[in-house]
N, C-alpha and C. Protein backbone atom coordinates (compact mmCIF):
# COMPACT_ATOMS: atom_id res chain seq x y z
N UNK A 1 147.28 -96.07 56.93
CA UNK A 1 147.29 -95.75 55.52
C UNK A 1 148.27 -94.61 55.30
N UNK A 2 149.09 -94.67 54.24
CA UNK A 2 150.02 -93.59 53.95
C UNK A 2 149.27 -92.29 53.74
N UNK A 3 150.02 -91.18 53.67
CA UNK A 3 149.42 -89.86 53.50
C UNK A 3 148.44 -89.82 52.34
N UNK A 4 147.32 -89.14 52.55
CA UNK A 4 146.30 -89.01 51.50
C UNK A 4 146.19 -87.55 51.12
N UNK A 5 146.06 -87.31 49.84
CA UNK A 5 145.90 -85.95 49.35
C UNK A 5 144.43 -85.59 49.28
N UNK A 6 144.13 -84.37 49.61
CA UNK A 6 142.78 -83.86 49.42
C UNK A 6 142.69 -83.41 47.97
N UNK A 7 141.71 -83.90 47.26
CA UNK A 7 141.57 -83.57 45.86
C UNK A 7 140.55 -82.46 45.68
N UNK A 8 140.85 -81.54 44.79
CA UNK A 8 139.91 -80.49 44.46
C UNK A 8 140.27 -79.92 43.10
N UNK A 9 139.36 -79.19 42.53
CA UNK A 9 139.62 -78.56 41.24
C UNK A 9 140.26 -77.21 41.48
N UNK A 10 141.21 -76.87 40.61
CA UNK A 10 141.87 -75.57 40.70
C UNK A 10 141.79 -74.90 39.34
N UNK A 11 141.87 -73.60 39.34
CA UNK A 11 141.82 -72.82 38.10
C UNK A 11 143.21 -72.85 37.45
N UNK A 12 143.25 -73.24 36.19
CA UNK A 12 144.51 -73.27 35.45
C UNK A 12 144.35 -72.55 34.12
N UNK A 13 145.46 -72.09 33.56
CA UNK A 13 145.44 -71.45 32.25
C UNK A 13 146.68 -71.83 31.48
N UNK A 14 146.66 -71.63 30.18
CA UNK A 14 147.79 -71.94 29.29
C UNK A 14 148.24 -73.38 29.48
N UNK A 15 147.29 -74.30 29.43
CA UNK A 15 147.60 -75.69 29.71
C UNK A 15 148.00 -76.47 28.47
N UNK A 16 148.61 -77.60 28.70
CA UNK A 16 148.98 -78.55 27.66
C UNK A 16 148.81 -79.94 28.24
N UNK A 17 149.28 -80.96 27.54
CA UNK A 17 149.12 -82.32 28.05
C UNK A 17 150.02 -82.60 29.25
N UNK A 18 149.49 -83.32 30.22
CA UNK A 18 150.25 -83.74 31.40
C UNK A 18 149.55 -84.94 32.02
N UNK A 19 150.34 -85.85 32.58
CA UNK A 19 149.77 -87.01 33.26
C UNK A 19 150.51 -87.24 34.56
N UNK A 20 149.83 -87.87 35.49
CA UNK A 20 150.45 -88.25 36.77
C UNK A 20 149.87 -89.58 37.20
N UNK A 21 150.67 -90.38 37.87
CA UNK A 21 150.21 -91.67 38.37
C UNK A 21 150.60 -91.82 39.83
N UNK A 22 149.99 -92.76 40.49
CA UNK A 22 150.36 -93.12 41.86
C UNK A 22 150.30 -91.98 42.85
N UNK A 23 149.28 -91.13 42.77
CA UNK A 23 149.15 -90.03 43.72
C UNK A 23 149.98 -88.82 43.36
N UNK A 24 150.60 -88.82 42.18
CA UNK A 24 151.41 -87.70 41.75
C UNK A 24 150.58 -86.51 41.32
N UNK A 25 151.24 -85.41 41.05
CA UNK A 25 150.59 -84.19 40.59
C UNK A 25 151.22 -83.81 39.26
N UNK A 26 150.40 -83.54 38.26
CA UNK A 26 150.92 -83.12 36.97
C UNK A 26 150.35 -81.75 36.66
N UNK A 27 151.21 -80.85 36.21
CA UNK A 27 150.77 -79.51 35.85
C UNK A 27 151.45 -79.11 34.56
N UNK A 28 150.68 -78.52 33.66
CA UNK A 28 151.27 -78.10 32.40
C UNK A 28 150.98 -76.64 32.12
N UNK A 29 150.47 -75.92 33.08
CA UNK A 29 150.16 -74.52 32.89
C UNK A 29 150.31 -73.77 34.19
N UNK A 30 149.71 -72.63 34.28
CA UNK A 30 149.77 -71.81 35.48
C UNK A 30 148.69 -72.26 36.45
N UNK A 31 149.08 -72.54 37.68
CA UNK A 31 148.13 -72.99 38.70
C UNK A 31 148.05 -71.92 39.78
N UNK A 32 146.84 -71.51 40.11
CA UNK A 32 146.65 -70.48 41.11
C UNK A 32 146.20 -71.11 42.43
N UNK A 33 146.78 -70.68 43.51
CA UNK A 33 146.35 -71.09 44.86
C UNK A 33 146.36 -72.59 45.07
N UNK A 34 147.44 -73.26 44.74
CA UNK A 34 147.56 -74.69 44.95
C UNK A 34 148.24 -74.94 46.29
N UNK A 35 147.64 -75.76 47.10
CA UNK A 35 148.29 -76.17 48.35
C UNK A 35 148.17 -77.67 48.47
N UNK A 36 149.24 -78.30 48.94
CA UNK A 36 149.28 -79.75 49.10
C UNK A 36 149.64 -80.03 50.55
N UNK A 37 148.86 -80.89 51.19
CA UNK A 37 149.12 -81.22 52.58
C UNK A 37 148.99 -82.73 52.74
N UNK A 38 150.02 -83.36 53.26
CA UNK A 38 149.95 -84.78 53.54
C UNK A 38 149.25 -85.00 54.87
N UNK A 39 148.48 -86.06 54.94
CA UNK A 39 147.74 -86.36 56.17
C UNK A 39 148.65 -86.92 57.25
N UNK A 40 149.78 -87.54 56.87
CA UNK A 40 150.71 -88.09 57.86
C UNK A 40 152.10 -87.54 57.60
N UNK A 41 152.88 -87.47 58.65
CA UNK A 41 154.23 -86.95 58.57
C UNK A 41 155.20 -88.05 58.15
N UNK A 42 156.18 -87.68 57.36
CA UNK A 42 157.21 -88.63 56.95
C UNK A 42 158.11 -88.92 58.14
N UNK A 43 158.49 -90.17 58.34
CA UNK A 43 159.37 -90.55 59.44
C UNK A 43 160.55 -91.35 58.88
N UNK A 44 161.72 -91.03 59.34
CA UNK A 44 162.92 -91.77 58.95
C UNK A 44 163.11 -92.94 59.90
N UNK A 45 163.49 -94.08 59.36
CA UNK A 45 163.78 -95.24 60.19
C UNK A 45 165.25 -95.35 60.54
N UNK A 46 166.05 -94.37 60.11
CA UNK A 46 167.50 -94.48 60.30
C UNK A 46 167.92 -94.41 61.76
N UNK A 47 167.15 -93.76 62.61
CA UNK A 47 167.53 -93.69 64.03
C UNK A 47 167.60 -95.08 64.66
N UNK A 48 166.84 -96.02 64.15
CA UNK A 48 166.94 -97.40 64.65
C UNK A 48 168.33 -97.96 64.37
N UNK A 49 168.86 -97.65 63.18
CA UNK A 49 170.22 -98.07 62.82
C UNK A 49 171.23 -97.42 63.77
N UNK A 50 171.05 -96.14 64.04
CA UNK A 50 171.97 -95.41 64.93
C UNK A 50 171.91 -95.99 66.34
N UNK A 51 170.74 -96.36 66.80
CA UNK A 51 170.61 -96.96 68.15
C UNK A 51 171.39 -98.27 68.26
N UNK A 52 171.48 -99.01 67.15
CA UNK A 52 172.26 -100.26 67.17
C UNK A 52 173.76 -99.99 67.24
N UNK A 53 174.19 -98.83 66.79
CA UNK A 53 175.61 -98.46 66.80
C UNK A 53 175.99 -97.85 68.15
N UNK A 54 175.09 -97.08 68.72
CA UNK A 54 175.40 -96.27 69.91
C UNK A 54 175.65 -97.13 71.15
N UNK A 55 176.55 -96.67 72.01
CA UNK A 55 176.77 -97.36 73.29
C UNK A 55 175.63 -97.06 74.26
N UNK A 56 175.48 -97.90 75.27
CA UNK A 56 174.47 -97.65 76.29
C UNK A 56 174.84 -96.44 77.15
N UNK A 57 176.14 -96.22 77.32
CA UNK A 57 176.64 -95.07 78.07
C UNK A 57 177.91 -94.58 77.39
N UNK A 58 178.15 -93.29 77.49
CA UNK A 58 179.35 -92.69 76.92
C UNK A 58 180.15 -92.07 78.05
N UNK A 59 181.38 -92.53 78.23
CA UNK A 59 182.19 -92.07 79.35
C UNK A 59 183.42 -91.31 78.87
N UNK A 60 183.78 -90.29 79.63
CA UNK A 60 185.01 -89.52 79.41
C UNK A 60 185.09 -88.89 78.03
N UNK A 61 183.98 -88.41 77.50
CA UNK A 61 183.98 -87.76 76.18
C UNK A 61 183.36 -86.36 76.26
N UNK A 62 183.32 -85.78 77.46
CA UNK A 62 182.68 -84.47 77.64
C UNK A 62 183.32 -83.39 76.77
N UNK A 63 184.65 -83.40 76.66
CA UNK A 63 185.33 -82.39 75.85
C UNK A 63 184.95 -82.47 74.38
N UNK A 64 184.91 -83.69 73.84
CA UNK A 64 184.54 -83.86 72.44
C UNK A 64 183.08 -83.50 72.21
N UNK A 65 182.21 -83.88 73.16
CA UNK A 65 180.80 -83.52 73.04
C UNK A 65 180.61 -82.01 73.09
N UNK A 66 181.41 -81.33 73.91
CA UNK A 66 181.34 -79.86 73.98
C UNK A 66 181.75 -79.25 72.64
N UNK A 67 182.78 -79.79 72.00
CA UNK A 67 183.19 -79.29 70.68
C UNK A 67 182.10 -79.51 69.63
N UNK A 68 181.48 -80.68 69.65
CA UNK A 68 180.40 -80.96 68.71
C UNK A 68 179.20 -80.04 68.96
N UNK A 69 178.88 -79.83 70.22
CA UNK A 69 177.77 -78.93 70.56
C UNK A 69 178.06 -77.52 70.09
N UNK A 70 179.27 -77.04 70.31
CA UNK A 70 179.64 -75.69 69.85
C UNK A 70 179.54 -75.60 68.34
N UNK A 71 180.00 -76.62 67.64
CA UNK A 71 179.93 -76.62 66.18
C UNK A 71 178.48 -76.55 65.70
N UNK A 72 177.59 -77.28 66.38
CA UNK A 72 176.20 -77.35 65.96
C UNK A 72 175.36 -76.15 66.37
N UNK A 73 175.81 -75.40 67.36
CA UNK A 73 174.95 -74.33 67.90
C UNK A 73 175.50 -72.93 67.75
N UNK A 74 176.80 -72.78 67.55
CA UNK A 74 177.38 -71.44 67.46
C UNK A 74 177.53 -71.02 66.00
N UNK A 75 177.53 -69.70 65.75
CA UNK A 75 177.70 -69.23 64.37
C UNK A 75 179.01 -69.74 63.77
N UNK A 76 178.93 -70.11 62.50
CA UNK A 76 180.11 -70.66 61.83
C UNK A 76 181.16 -69.57 61.59
N UNK A 77 182.39 -69.94 61.84
CA UNK A 77 183.52 -69.05 61.59
C UNK A 77 184.53 -69.84 60.78
N UNK A 78 184.59 -69.56 59.49
CA UNK A 78 185.53 -70.29 58.65
C UNK A 78 184.88 -71.50 58.01
N UNK A 79 185.43 -72.67 58.26
CA UNK A 79 185.02 -73.90 57.61
C UNK A 79 183.59 -74.32 58.02
N UNK A 80 182.71 -74.63 57.05
CA UNK A 80 181.33 -74.97 57.38
C UNK A 80 181.11 -76.44 57.77
N UNK A 81 182.17 -77.20 57.91
CA UNK A 81 182.03 -78.59 58.32
C UNK A 81 183.16 -78.96 59.28
N UNK A 82 182.98 -80.06 59.96
CA UNK A 82 184.00 -80.55 60.87
C UNK A 82 184.35 -81.98 60.47
N UNK A 83 185.62 -82.33 60.56
CA UNK A 83 186.09 -83.64 60.13
C UNK A 83 186.81 -84.28 61.31
N UNK A 84 186.27 -85.40 61.78
CA UNK A 84 186.88 -86.10 62.90
C UNK A 84 187.59 -87.33 62.36
N UNK A 85 188.86 -87.44 62.66
CA UNK A 85 189.65 -88.59 62.24
C UNK A 85 190.36 -89.17 63.45
N UNK A 86 190.41 -90.50 63.49
CA UNK A 86 191.10 -91.19 64.58
C UNK A 86 191.34 -92.63 64.15
N UNK A 87 192.17 -93.29 64.89
CA UNK A 87 192.48 -94.69 64.58
C UNK A 87 191.25 -95.57 64.73
N UNK A 88 191.30 -96.72 64.08
CA UNK A 88 190.21 -97.69 64.19
C UNK A 88 189.99 -98.07 65.66
N UNK A 89 188.75 -98.26 66.02
CA UNK A 89 188.33 -98.68 67.36
C UNK A 89 188.66 -97.64 68.44
N UNK A 90 188.75 -96.37 68.06
CA UNK A 90 189.01 -95.32 69.05
C UNK A 90 187.72 -94.71 69.60
N UNK A 91 186.58 -95.13 69.04
CA UNK A 91 185.30 -94.66 69.58
C UNK A 91 184.63 -93.58 68.75
N UNK A 92 185.03 -93.40 67.51
CA UNK A 92 184.41 -92.37 66.66
C UNK A 92 182.92 -92.62 66.48
N UNK A 93 182.57 -93.85 66.14
CA UNK A 93 181.15 -94.17 65.92
C UNK A 93 180.36 -94.07 67.21
N UNK A 94 180.96 -94.46 68.32
CA UNK A 94 180.28 -94.34 69.62
C UNK A 94 179.99 -92.87 69.93
N UNK A 95 180.98 -92.02 69.74
CA UNK A 95 180.83 -90.59 70.01
C UNK A 95 179.77 -89.98 69.10
N UNK A 96 179.88 -90.22 67.81
CA UNK A 96 178.97 -89.59 66.86
C UNK A 96 177.54 -90.13 66.99
N UNK A 97 177.40 -91.42 67.20
CA UNK A 97 176.05 -91.97 67.35
C UNK A 97 175.40 -91.44 68.62
N UNK A 98 176.19 -91.28 69.68
CA UNK A 98 175.66 -90.70 70.92
C UNK A 98 175.17 -89.28 70.66
N UNK A 99 175.94 -88.51 69.91
CA UNK A 99 175.57 -87.12 69.60
C UNK A 99 174.29 -87.09 68.75
N UNK A 100 174.16 -88.00 67.81
CA UNK A 100 172.95 -88.06 66.98
C UNK A 100 171.73 -88.31 67.86
N UNK A 101 171.85 -89.21 68.82
CA UNK A 101 170.73 -89.57 69.68
C UNK A 101 170.49 -88.57 70.81
N UNK A 102 171.49 -87.75 71.12
CA UNK A 102 171.38 -86.77 72.21
C UNK A 102 171.85 -85.40 71.71
N UNK A 103 171.19 -84.84 70.71
CA UNK A 103 171.64 -83.55 70.17
C UNK A 103 171.33 -82.41 71.15
N UNK A 104 172.02 -81.29 70.97
CA UNK A 104 171.70 -80.12 71.80
C UNK A 104 170.28 -79.63 71.51
N UNK A 105 169.66 -78.94 72.45
CA UNK A 105 168.32 -78.40 72.21
C UNK A 105 168.30 -77.55 70.94
N UNK A 106 167.27 -77.75 70.14
CA UNK A 106 167.11 -76.97 68.91
C UNK A 106 167.90 -77.47 67.72
N UNK A 107 168.63 -78.57 67.88
CA UNK A 107 169.45 -79.10 66.79
C UNK A 107 168.86 -80.43 66.33
N UNK A 108 168.69 -80.56 65.03
CA UNK A 108 168.28 -81.84 64.46
C UNK A 108 169.45 -82.34 63.61
N UNK A 109 169.98 -83.49 63.97
CA UNK A 109 171.15 -84.04 63.31
C UNK A 109 170.73 -84.97 62.18
N UNK A 110 171.36 -84.82 61.03
CA UNK A 110 171.19 -85.72 59.89
C UNK A 110 172.49 -86.50 59.81
N UNK A 111 172.41 -87.84 59.84
CA UNK A 111 173.63 -88.62 59.94
C UNK A 111 173.66 -89.78 58.97
N UNK A 112 174.87 -90.27 58.74
CA UNK A 112 175.08 -91.50 57.97
C UNK A 112 176.37 -92.12 58.48
N UNK A 113 176.31 -93.38 58.82
CA UNK A 113 177.48 -94.11 59.30
C UNK A 113 177.89 -95.12 58.24
N UNK A 114 179.10 -94.96 57.73
CA UNK A 114 179.62 -95.90 56.74
C UNK A 114 180.05 -97.16 57.48
N UNK A 115 179.46 -98.26 57.12
CA UNK A 115 179.82 -99.51 57.77
C UNK A 115 179.68 -100.66 56.80
N UNK A 116 180.70 -101.46 56.73
CA UNK A 116 180.68 -102.64 55.87
C UNK A 116 179.96 -103.80 56.56
N UNK A 117 179.70 -103.65 57.88
CA UNK A 117 179.03 -104.72 58.63
C UNK A 117 177.58 -104.91 58.18
N UNK A 118 176.96 -103.85 57.67
CA UNK A 118 175.57 -103.93 57.23
C UNK A 118 175.53 -103.79 55.72
N UNK A 119 174.99 -104.78 55.06
CA UNK A 119 174.92 -104.77 53.60
C UNK A 119 174.21 -103.51 53.12
N UNK A 120 174.78 -102.89 52.13
CA UNK A 120 174.16 -101.72 51.53
C UNK A 120 174.32 -100.44 52.32
N UNK A 121 175.23 -100.39 53.28
CA UNK A 121 175.43 -99.18 54.09
C UNK A 121 176.83 -98.60 53.96
N UNK A 122 177.45 -98.83 52.81
CA UNK A 122 178.83 -98.34 52.68
C UNK A 122 179.12 -97.71 51.32
N UNK A 123 178.08 -97.25 50.63
CA UNK A 123 178.33 -96.63 49.33
C UNK A 123 177.51 -95.35 49.18
N UNK A 124 177.75 -94.65 48.09
CA UNK A 124 177.09 -93.35 47.91
C UNK A 124 175.59 -93.48 47.70
N UNK A 125 175.15 -94.60 47.13
CA UNK A 125 173.71 -94.79 46.96
C UNK A 125 173.02 -94.86 48.32
N UNK A 126 173.59 -95.62 49.24
CA UNK A 126 173.04 -95.70 50.59
C UNK A 126 173.07 -94.34 51.26
N UNK A 127 174.17 -93.62 51.11
CA UNK A 127 174.32 -92.27 51.70
C UNK A 127 173.19 -91.36 51.22
N UNK A 128 172.97 -91.31 49.92
CA UNK A 128 171.94 -90.44 49.37
C UNK A 128 170.56 -90.86 49.86
N UNK A 129 170.28 -92.16 49.82
CA UNK A 129 168.97 -92.65 50.26
C UNK A 129 168.70 -92.30 51.72
N UNK A 130 169.68 -92.53 52.57
CA UNK A 130 169.51 -92.30 54.01
C UNK A 130 169.37 -90.80 54.30
N UNK A 131 170.19 -89.97 53.67
CA UNK A 131 170.07 -88.54 53.93
C UNK A 131 168.77 -87.96 53.40
N UNK A 132 168.35 -88.38 52.21
CA UNK A 132 167.07 -87.87 51.68
C UNK A 132 165.91 -88.26 52.59
N UNK A 133 165.94 -89.46 53.12
CA UNK A 133 164.88 -89.91 54.03
C UNK A 133 164.84 -89.02 55.28
N UNK A 134 166.01 -88.72 55.83
CA UNK A 134 166.06 -87.89 57.03
C UNK A 134 165.68 -86.44 56.73
N UNK A 135 166.13 -85.92 55.60
CA UNK A 135 165.78 -84.54 55.24
C UNK A 135 164.30 -84.39 54.94
N UNK A 136 163.67 -85.42 54.40
CA UNK A 136 162.24 -85.38 54.16
C UNK A 136 161.46 -85.29 55.48
N UNK A 137 162.00 -85.92 56.51
CA UNK A 137 161.37 -85.84 57.83
C UNK A 137 161.42 -84.42 58.35
């Protein structure tokens, strides 16, 4: 069963009309001491997609993996993002998917792979949906 909310009465003041449906919460005034806890943790299914992209083994990419690890673990100096560009079929997706599945200790990677091979995985709507799912996790 999906996450269930524990229901209880809370003290409110300065209220007005409000409605909520489908397990939502509606508030129209000041709420004191409200806490919400889901019974189950949100899980992203996107790692299954990444596993389909990733190679079984990654060879001769230690230098690039070291650069990615440094970017993910060391304090930022200058640009807050990294941009990898290379010719088609040079192994960009293999490298990045490997890094997503084998991140450095203490790093949680949020990823999106643009691919026309999978319907609905090559536009901004898919990007937003996939990232929100992972960030919710």
